[in-house]
Amino acid sequence: MSKTKYKYNPDTLSYDEVEVTWGTRLKKLSFHLISGVVFSVLLILLSYSTIKRWGRVEAERDLEVMRLELEEKKKQIAFNEEVMKDIEKRDNEIY
């Protein structure tokens, strides 16, 4: 059952029946599709830069953490070398 569309005619002060053709349906459909695509592209472009920025910030944070861990490991290695030299010195003094 199709809906009947009416439009007000101010000249005759009555409502006239309007035929909904395939052309008008196609125009409405294309308008909605084009506006949806444009909105989607804008949303993707805006969110891409934000997501990329978040990824960069996270990568920089990870890099800083790794640098701190590397410094800790270097300190630990230096301390272990000191201990090994001390043990070697004690060992050589015993014999």
C-alpha atoms as a PDB file:
ATOM      1  CA  MET A   1       0.000   0.000   0.000  1.00  0.00           C
ATOM      2  CA  SER A   2       1.693   3.200  -1.127  1.00  0.00           C
ATOM      3  CA  LYS A   3       1.327   6.487   0.680  1.00  0.00           C
ATOM      4  CA  THR A   4      -0.307   9.353  -1.165  1.00  0.00           C
ATOM      5  CA  LYS A   5       1.584  12.640  -0.936  1.00  0.00           C
ATOM      6  CA  TYR A   6      -0.168  15.994  -0.947  1.00  0.00           C
ATOM      7  CA  LYS A   7       1.134  19.511  -1.397  1.00  0.00           C
ATOM      8  CA  TYR A   8      -0.681  22.718  -0.510  1.00  0.00           C
ATOM      9  CA  ASN A   9      -1.508  24.967  -3.447  1.00  0.00           C
ATOM     10  CA  PRO A  10      -1.940  28.595  -2.279  1.00  0.00           C
ATOM     11  CA  ASP A  11      -3.573  29.649  -5.580  1.00  0.00           C
ATOM     12  CA  THR A  12      -6.489  27.272  -5.269  1.00  0.00           C
ATOM     13  CA  LEU A  13      -6.348  27.057  -1.458  1.00  0.00           C
ATOM     14  CA  SER A  14      -6.475  23.298  -1.620  1.00  0.00           C
ATOM     15  CA  TYR A  15      -4.181  20.305  -1.522  1.00  0.00           C
ATOM     16  CA  ASP A  16      -2.994  18.737  -4.755  1.00  0.00           C
ATOM     17  CA  GLU A  17      -1.868  15.153  -5.014  1.00  0.00           C
ATOM     18  CA  VAL A  18       1.834  14.765  -5.784  1.00  0.00           C
ATOM     19  CA  GLU A  19       3.189  11.759  -7.608  1.00  0.00           C
ATOM     20  CA  VAL A  20       6.400  10.325  -6.208  1.00  0.00           C
ATOM     21  CA  THR A  21       8.386   9.198  -9.240  1.00  0.00           C
ATOM     22  CA  TRP A  22      11.459   7.058  -9.431  1.00  0.00           C
ATOM     23  CA  GLY A  23      13.437  10.172 -10.313  1.00  0.00           C
ATOM     24  CA  THR A  24      12.531  11.945  -7.079  1.00  0.00           C
ATOM     25  CA  ARG A  25      13.222   8.807  -5.089  1.00  0.00           C
ATOM     26  CA  LEU A  26      16.601   8.499  -6.807  1.00  0.00           C
ATOM     27  CA  LYS A  27      17.371  12.166  -6.033  1.00  0.00           C
ATOM     28  CA  LYS A  28      16.532  11.692  -2.361  1.00  0.00           C
ATOM     29  CA  LEU A  29      18.567   8.497  -2.176  1.00  0.00           C
ATOM     30  CA  SER A  30      21.580  10.085  -3.881  1.00  0.00           C
ATOM     31  CA  PHE A  31      21.349  13.126  -1.586  1.00  0.00           C
ATOM     32  CA  HIS A  32      21.454  10.897   1.497  1.00  0.00           C
ATOM     33  CA  LEU A  33      24.262   8.752   0.118  1.00  0.00           C
ATOM     34  CA  ILE A  34      26.413  11.714  -0.908  1.00  0.00           C
ATOM     35  CA  SER A  35      25.913  13.503   2.400  1.00  0.00           C
ATOM     36  CA  GLY A  36      26.745  10.290   4.261  1.00  0.00           C
ATOM     37  CA  VAL A  37      29.927   9.762   2.257  1.00  0.00           C
ATOM     38  CA  VAL A  38      31.044  13.382   2.723  1.00  0.00           C
ATOM     39  CA  PHE A  39      30.385  13.218   6.459  1.00  0.00           C
ATOM     40  CA  SER A  40      32.232   9.894   6.719  1.00  0.00           C
ATOM     41  CA  VAL A  41      35.268  11.208   4.845  1.00  0.00           C
ATOM     42  CA  LEU A  42      35.436  14.304   7.046  1.00  0.00           C
ATOM     43  CA  LEU A  43      35.113  12.201  10.178  1.00  0.00           C
ATOM     44  CA  ILE A  44      37.842   9.820   9.031  1.00  0.00           C
ATOM     45  CA  LEU A  45      40.207  12.667   8.128  1.00  0.00           C
ATOM     46  CA  LEU A  46      39.724  14.359  11.487  1.00  0.00           C
ATOM     47  CA  SER A  47      40.023  11.185  13.511  1.00  0.00           C
ATOM     48  CA  TYR A  48      43.054   9.919  11.552  1.00  0.00           C
ATOM     49  CA  SER A  49      45.216  12.836  12.667  1.00  0.00           C
ATOM     50  CA  THR A  50      44.056  12.431  16.268  1.00  0.00           C
ATOM     51  CA  ILE A  51      44.674   8.688  16.301  1.00  0.00           C
ATOM     52  CA  LYS A  52      48.073   9.182  14.681  1.00  0.00           C
ATOM     53  CA  ARG A  53      48.955  11.788  17.323  1.00  0.00           C
ATOM     54  CA  TRP A  54      47.894   9.423  20.133  1.00  0.00           C
ATOM     55  CA  GLY A  55      50.024   6.669  18.632  1.00  0.00           C
ATOM     56  CA  ARG A  56      53.018   9.009  18.441  1.00  0.00           C
ATOM     57  CA  VAL A  57      52.578  10.087  22.071  1.00  0.00           C
ATOM     58  CA  GLU A  58      52.328   6.463  23.179  1.00  0.00           C
ATOM     59  CA  ALA A  59      55.438   5.528  21.172  1.00  0.00           C
ATOM     60  CA  GLU A  60      57.396   8.411  22.707  1.00  0.00           C
ATOM     61  CA  ARG A  61      56.286   7.332  26.182  1.00  0.00           C
ATOM     62  CA  ASP A  62      57.390   3.750  25.482  1.00  0.00           C
ATOM     63  CA  LEU A  63      60.723   5.020  24.161  1.00  0.00           C
ATOM     64  CA  GLU A  64      61.299   7.055  27.325  1.00  0.00           C
ATOM     65  CA  VAL A  65      60.490   4.024  29.489  1.00  0.00           C
ATOM     66  CA  MET A  66      62.929   1.902  27.505  1.00  0.00           C
ATOM     67  CA  ARG A  67      65.631   4.555  27.851  1.00  0.00           C
ATOM     68  CA  LEU A  68      65.140   4.594  31.615  1.00  0.00           C
ATOM     69  CA  GLU A  69      65.299   0.798  31.726  1.00  0.00           C
ATOM     70  CA  LEU A  70      68.486   0.873  29.641  1.00  0.00           C
ATOM     71  CA  GLU A  71      70.093   3.330  32.068  1.00  0.00           C
ATOM     72  CA  GLU A  72      69.100   1.082  34.991  1.00  0.00           C
ATOM     73  CA  LYS A  73      70.627  -1.948  33.235  1.00  0.00           C
ATOM     74  CA  LYS A  74      73.840  -0.021  32.522  1.00  0.00           C
ATOM     75  CA  LYS A  75      74.090   0.944  36.194  1.00  0.00           C
ATOM     76  CA  GLN A  76      73.461  -2.670  37.184  1.00  0.00           C
ATOM     77  CA  ILE A  77      76.160  -3.892  34.771  1.00  0.00           C
ATOM     78  CA  ALA A  78      78.642  -1.320  36.089  1.00  0.00           C
ATOM     79  CA  PHE A  79      77.880  -2.391  39.658  1.00  0.00           C
ATOM     80  CA  ASN A  80      78.314  -6.071  38.738  1.00  0.00           C
ATOM     81  CA  GLU A  81      81.668  -5.293  37.085  1.00  0.00           C
ATOM     82  CA  GLU A  82      82.821  -3.533  40.264  1.00  0.00           C
ATOM     83  CA  VAL A  83      81.795  -6.562  42.315  1.00  0.00           C
ATOM     84  CA  MET A  84      83.571  -8.930  39.900  1.00  0.00           C
ATOM     85  CA  LYS A  85      86.770  -6.836  40.077  1.00  0.00           C
ATOM     86  CA  ASP A  86      86.582  -6.867  43.873  1.00  0.00           C
ATOM     87  CA  ILE A  87      86.053 -10.644  43.909  1.00  0.00           C
ATOM     88  CA  GLU A  88      88.953 -11.109  41.465  1.00  0.00           C
ATOM     89  CA  LYS A  89      91.208  -8.921  43.617  1.00  0.00           C
ATOM     90  CA  ARG A  90      90.316 -10.898  46.759  1.00  0.00           C
ATOM     91  CA  ASP A  91      90.841 -14.156  44.921  1.00  0.00           C
ATOM     92  CA  ASN A  92      94.297 -13.087  43.729  1.00  0.00           C
ATOM     93  CA  GLU A  93      95.287 -11.970  47.247  1.00  0.00           C
ATOM     94  CA  ILE A  94      94.340 -15.310  48.764  1.00  0.00           C
ATOM     95  CA  TYR A  95      96.662 -17.315  46.523  1.00  0.00           C
END
